[in-house]
Amino acid sequence: MNRHRSHTLLKLPLRARALRLAAGGALALALGTAAQAQSPGQAVAPAPDSANLAELARAFVEPSLAAALSQAGASALRPEIIMGSLDARLRLAPCARVEAHLPPGTRLWGRSRIGLRCVEGATRWNVFLPVTVKAWGPAWVLNRAVPAGTPLTQEDAEMAEVDWAEHAAHVLAAPSLWVGQQAAYTLVAGQALRQHMVRPPQAFAAGSQVRVVQTGSGFQVVVTGEALAAGLVGQATRVRLPGGRVVSGLVRDGQTVELVL
């Protein structure tokens, strides 16, 4: 019996010690969790995934794009936003608050990108999410090929809905902006007419004799000079006057260059 009692007395301290260790571990775990939650600058949110970041970017893009279209007088265009995705290999640190922004020099037109940066987290990061912005609206689309240098006529194009943001060049929405203009290069059927695709017709060639007109308050001076370059209607050119002086002016028609005071 003494041996049994001695064995029982040896077991009791070990059990009590184990209980104390377990209680101490639980308390340490609780204190550590509380300290982590209350630690200043410690992110408490999980790492954002690509879907959440895409939704955040879209919520930023939609009102920004609507405001930009309204300011440009193009609110009648129908916008379409196609969000891209981040590199699947990217691992972002947890962040309590992510802020979307438009990087400097970037505009919401065609292929673009949205910046996403962590503003509340233990580790600050800044990533860029690709986005494609489309702006659908009516435009004049060529129904046949037009060789370079050929003047465009009303019959060369018809109205259709196109993505204005597909190219950086402005769409020529009114016929007055392209009818009578020359094709800057060989144009093909199906192209929407844009600013870089046409140029003013040539009014005269280099070496031609042209009238140089200068108009002031109550007077007008007209002299004849030699064009130093081909003249395009509405664009500037240089003319050598009889005395050798070289002046610049705007080409008004096939024979006239107007000096602007």
Protein backbone atom coordinates (compact mmCIF):
# COMPACT_ATOMS: atom_id res chain seq x y z
CA MET A 1 0.00 0.00 0.00
CA ASN A 2 2.81 2.38 0.75
CA ARG A 3 4.23 1.72 -2.69
CA HIS A 4 0.85 2.47 -4.34
CA ARG A 5 0.46 5.68 -2.35
CA SER A 6 3.95 6.81 -3.29
CA HIS A 7 3.15 6.22 -6.98
CA THR A 8 -0.05 8.31 -6.68
CA LEU A 9 1.79 11.17 -5.00
CA LEU A 10 4.35 11.22 -7.83
CA LYS A 11 1.61 11.44 -10.51
CA LEU A 12 -0.28 14.36 -9.00
CA PRO A 13 2.46 17.01 -9.39
CA LEU A 14 3.04 15.99 -13.01
CA ARG A 15 -0.65 16.40 -13.86
CA ALA A 16 -0.85 19.76 -12.12
CA ARG A 17 2.25 20.90 -13.96
CA ALA A 18 0.72 19.88 -17.28
CA LEU A 19 -2.47 21.79 -16.47
CA ARG A 20 -0.46 24.87 -15.61
CA LEU A 21 1.51 24.62 -18.88
CA ALA A 22 -1.66 24.22 -20.91
CA ALA A 23 -3.29 27.18 -19.22
CA GLY A 24 -0.18 29.25 -19.73
CA GLY A 25 -0.04 28.36 -23.44
CA ALA A 26 -3.67 29.30 -23.96
CA LEU A 27 -3.13 32.61 -22.24
CA ALA A 28 -0.01 33.34 -24.28
CA LEU A 29 -1.92 32.54 -27.48
CA ALA A 30 -4.78 34.82 -26.45
CA LEU A 31 -2.42 37.65 -25.56
CA GLY A 32 -0.50 37.22 -28.80
CA THR A 33 -3.70 37.40 -30.86
CA ALA A 34 -4.86 40.50 -29.01
CA ALA A 35 -1.48 42.15 -29.45
CA GLN A 36 -1.50 41.39 -33.15
CA ALA A 37 -4.99 42.86 -33.54
CA GLN A 38 -4.07 46.00 -31.62
CA SER A 39 -0.58 46.47 -33.05
CA PRO A 40 -0.44 49.81 -34.90
CA GLY A 41 0.04 49.42 -38.66
CA GLN A 42 -0.71 45.71 -38.58
CA ALA A 43 -3.07 44.65 -41.40
CA VAL A 44 -6.09 42.79 -40.12
CA ALA A 45 -7.68 42.04 -43.51
CA PRO A 46 -6.68 39.05 -45.65
CA ALA A 47 -4.61 39.48 -48.78
CA PRO A 48 -6.89 40.78 -51.58
CA ASP A 49 -7.49 38.45 -54.50
CA SER A 50 -7.62 39.40 -58.18
CA ALA A 51 -11.45 39.40 -58.32
CA ASN A 52 -11.78 41.85 -55.41
CA LEU A 53 -9.17 44.16 -56.91
CA ALA A 54 -10.93 44.06 -60.29
CA GLU A 55 -14.22 45.10 -58.68
CA LEU A 56 -12.48 47.90 -56.82
CA ALA A 57 -10.89 49.11 -60.06
CA ARG A 58 -14.22 48.95 -61.92
CA ALA A 59 -15.93 51.00 -59.18
CA PHE A 60 -13.24 53.62 -59.75
CA VAL A 61 -13.28 53.52 -63.58
CA GLU A 62 -17.02 53.76 -64.24
CA PRO A 63 -17.72 57.20 -62.70
CA SER A 64 -14.33 58.54 -63.85
CA LEU A 65 -15.03 57.50 -67.45
CA ALA A 66 -18.55 58.94 -67.37
CA ALA A 67 -17.19 62.28 -66.14
CA ALA A 68 -14.46 62.31 -68.80
CA LEU A 69 -16.92 61.60 -71.63
CA SER A 70 -19.28 64.29 -70.37
CA GLN A 71 -16.48 66.84 -70.15
CA ALA A 72 -15.35 66.02 -73.70
CA GLY A 73 -18.90 66.42 -75.02
CA ALA A 74 -19.07 62.73 -75.89
CA SER A 75 -21.62 61.58 -73.32
CA ALA A 76 -23.69 60.01 -76.13
CA LEU A 77 -21.02 57.34 -76.57
CA ARG A 78 -21.77 53.96 -75.01
CA PRO A 79 -18.86 52.94 -72.77
CA GLU A 80 -17.70 49.38 -72.26
CA ILE A 81 -15.09 48.42 -69.65
CA ILE A 82 -13.13 45.17 -69.88
CA MET A 83 -11.11 44.47 -66.76
CA GLY A 84 -7.88 42.52 -67.01
CA SER A 85 -6.24 40.51 -64.25
CA LEU A 86 -3.04 40.58 -62.27
CA ASP A 87 -0.24 38.10 -62.77
CA ALA A 88 -1.34 34.86 -61.08
CA ARG A 89 2.13 34.50 -59.57
CA LEU A 90 1.81 37.79 -57.70
CA ARG A 91 1.42 37.46 -53.94
CA LEU A 92 0.19 40.59 -52.16
CA ALA A 93 0.56 41.20 -48.45
CA PRO A 94 -2.61 41.59 -46.34
CA CYS A 95 -4.06 45.09 -46.50
CA ALA A 96 -6.87 46.75 -44.57
CA ARG A 97 -7.56 49.38 -47.26
CA VAL A 98 -6.71 49.44 -50.95
CA GLU A 99 -7.00 52.63 -52.99
CA ALA A 100 -7.52 52.81 -56.76
CA HIS A 101 -5.90 55.61 -58.75
CA LEU A 102 -5.07 56.65 -62.32
CA PRO A 103 -1.28 56.63 -62.90
CA PRO A 104 0.21 59.94 -64.15
CA GLY A 105 0.07 60.32 -67.91
CA THR A 106 -2.63 57.67 -68.25
CA ARG A 107 -6.07 58.24 -69.71
CA LEU A 108 -9.14 56.04 -69.77
CA TRP A 109 -9.19 55.38 -73.51
CA GLY A 110 -8.39 52.13 -75.30
CA ARG A 111 -5.79 49.98 -73.57
CA SER A 112 -5.01 51.52 -70.21
CA ARG A 113 -4.26 50.57 -66.60
CA ILE A 114 -5.50 51.33 -63.11
CA GLY A 115 -3.21 51.64 -60.13
CA LEU A 116 -4.08 49.83 -56.90
CA ARG A 117 -2.09 50.64 -53.78
CA CYS A 118 -2.22 49.51 -50.19
CA VAL A 119 -2.65 52.50 -47.89
CA GLU A 120 -3.29 50.63 -44.64
CA GLY A 121 -1.13 47.61 -44.06
CA ALA A 122 2.13 46.40 -42.57
CA THR A 123 3.59 46.20 -46.10
CA ARG A 124 2.70 48.92 -48.60
CA TRP A 125 2.44 47.86 -52.23
CA ASN A 126 1.37 49.34 -55.55
CA VAL A 127 0.27 47.25 -58.54
CA PHE A 128 -1.29 48.00 -61.92
CA LEU A 129 -4.34 46.27 -63.31
CA PRO A 130 -4.81 46.30 -67.11
CA VAL A 131 -8.11 47.64 -68.39
CA THR A 132 -9.56 48.16 -71.87
CA VAL A 133 -12.00 51.03 -72.33
CA LYS A 134 -14.28 51.02 -75.38
CA ALA A 135 -16.56 53.89 -76.41
CA TRP A 136 -19.19 52.85 -78.94
CA GLY A 137 -20.83 55.42 -81.17
CA PRO A 138 -21.75 56.28 -84.78
CA ALA A 139 -18.96 57.00 -87.26
CA TRP A 140 -18.34 57.08 -90.99
CA VAL A 141 -16.89 53.79 -92.23
CA LEU A 142 -15.38 53.31 -95.69
CA ASN A 143 -17.35 51.01 -97.97
CA ARG A 144 -14.55 50.74 -100.55
CA ALA A 145 -10.82 51.17 -100.89
CA VAL A 146 -9.47 54.68 -101.57
CA PRO A 147 -5.98 55.10 -103.09
CA ALA A 148 -3.54 57.52 -101.46
CA GLY A 149 -4.01 61.11 -102.61
CA THR A 150 -7.56 60.55 -103.84
CA PRO A 151 -10.18 63.08 -102.69
CA LEU A 152 -12.93 61.49 -100.61
CA THR A 153 -16.59 61.81 -101.58
CA GLN A 154 -19.79 61.28 -99.60
CA GLU A 155 -20.33 57.98 -101.44
CA ASP A 156 -17.08 56.53 -100.10
CA ALA A 157 -18.42 55.92 -96.59
CA GLU A 158 -21.55 54.98 -94.65
CA MET A 159 -22.62 55.26 -91.02
CA ALA A 160 -21.95 52.41 -88.58
CA GLU A 161 -21.32 51.93 -84.87
CA VAL A 162 -17.62 51.67 -84.04
CA ASP A 163 -15.35 51.77 -81.03
CA TRP A 164 -14.07 55.34 -80.92
CA ALA A 165 -11.40 54.36 -78.40
CA GLU A 166 -9.88 51.70 -80.63
CA HIS A 167 -7.38 54.28 -81.90
CA ALA A 168 -5.94 57.43 -80.36
CA ALA A 169 -6.79 59.54 -83.44
CA HIS A 170 -10.12 61.39 -83.32
CA VAL A 171 -13.10 60.08 -85.28
CA LEU A 172 -14.26 62.38 -88.10
CA ALA A 173 -17.93 62.35 -87.13
CA ALA A 174 -19.12 65.06 -89.54
CA PRO A 175 -18.86 64.71 -93.36
CA SER A 176 -17.58 68.29 -93.59
CA LEU A 177 -14.40 67.10 -91.87
CA TRP A 178 -13.47 64.57 -94.58
CA VAL A 179 -15.46 65.13 -97.80
CA GLY A 180 -13.06 66.72 -100.31
CA GLN A 181 -10.01 65.79 -98.22
CA GLN A 182 -7.35 63.51 -99.71
CA ALA A 183 -6.53 60.04 -98.44
CA ALA A 184 -3.23 60.37 -96.54
CA TYR A 185 -2.39 56.78 -97.54
CA THR A 186 -4.21 53.87 -99.15
CA LEU A 187 -7.41 53.32 -97.20
CA VAL A 188 -9.33 50.03 -97.12
CA ALA A 189 -13.00 49.18 -96.76
CA GLY A 190 -14.22 48.80 -93.17
CA GLN A 191 -11.99 51.50 -91.69
CA ALA A 192 -13.64 54.22 -89.62
CA LEU A 193 -12.51 57.63 -90.85
CA ARG A 194 -10.16 59.28 -88.37
CA GLN A 195 -8.11 62.45 -88.27
CA HIS A 196 -4.78 60.92 -89.31
CA MET A 197 -6.29 59.26 -92.41
CA VAL A 198 -6.98 62.41 -94.43
CA ARG A 199 -5.13 65.57 -95.39
CA PRO A 200 -6.13 68.79 -97.12
CA PRO A 201 -5.96 68.76 -100.93
CA GLN A 202 -2.87 70.27 -102.51
CA ALA A 203 -3.61 73.78 -103.73
CA PHE A 204 -0.36 74.35 -105.62
CA ALA A 205 3.08 72.83 -106.07
CA ALA A 206 6.46 74.18 -104.99
CA GLY A 207 7.68 76.86 -107.40
CA SER A 208 4.18 78.05 -108.30
CA GLN A 209 3.37 81.75 -108.50
CA VAL A 210 0.82 82.66 -105.83
CA ARG A 211 -0.92 85.76 -104.56
CA VAL A 212 0.17 86.90 -101.12
CA VAL A 213 -2.57 88.92 -99.42
CA GLN A 214 -2.16 91.01 -96.30
CA THR A 215 -5.26 92.68 -94.88
CA GLY A 216 -5.27 95.29 -92.16
CA SER A 217 -7.57 97.95 -90.76
CA GLY A 218 -8.91 99.69 -93.86
CA PHE A 219 -6.29 98.38 -96.30
CA GLN A 220 -5.25 95.32 -98.30
CA VAL A 221 -1.91 94.62 -99.93
CA VAL A 222 -1.57 92.00 -102.69
CA VAL A 223 1.76 90.90 -104.16
CA THR A 224 2.92 87.91 -106.20
CA GLY A 225 5.53 85.50 -104.89
CA GLU A 226 7.02 82.06 -105.40
CA ALA A 227 5.83 79.16 -103.25
CA LEU A 228 8.78 77.42 -101.59
CA ALA A 229 6.78 74.25 -100.85
CA ALA A 230 3.58 72.56 -101.90
CA GLY A 231 0.56 74.37 -100.48
CA LEU A 232 -2.23 72.52 -98.67
CA VAL A 233 -5.51 74.32 -98.04
CA GLY A 234 -5.76 75.51 -94.45
CA GLN A 235 -2.11 74.87 -93.68
CA ALA A 236 0.89 77.16 -93.41
CA THR A 237 3.41 77.57 -96.22
CA ARG A 238 6.34 79.85 -97.10
CA VAL A 239 6.53 82.26 -100.03
CA ARG A 240 9.49 84.24 -101.41
CA LEU A 241 8.53 87.80 -102.35
CA PRO A 242 10.09 89.68 -105.31
CA GLY A 243 12.63 91.47 -103.08
CA GLY A 244 13.86 88.15 -101.69
CA ARG A 245 12.04 88.35 -98.38
CA VAL A 246 10.46 85.06 -97.23
CA VAL A 247 7.08 85.20 -95.48
CA SER A 248 4.74 82.58 -94.03
CA GLY A 249 0.99 82.46 -94.40
CA LEU A 250 -2.08 80.21 -94.60
CA VAL A 251 -3.14 78.67 -97.89
CA ARG A 252 -6.68 79.81 -98.66
CA ASP A 253 -7.13 78.35 -102.16
CA GLY A 254 -5.17 77.36 -105.24
CA GLN A 255 -3.76 80.83 -105.77
CA THR A 256 -3.93 82.67 -102.48
CA VAL A 257 -1.74 82.74 -99.36
CA GLU A 258 -2.97 85.00 -96.57
CA LEU A 259 -0.53 86.62 -94.15
CA VAL A 260 -1.83 86.62 -90.60
CA LEU A 261 -0.99 89.73 -88.59
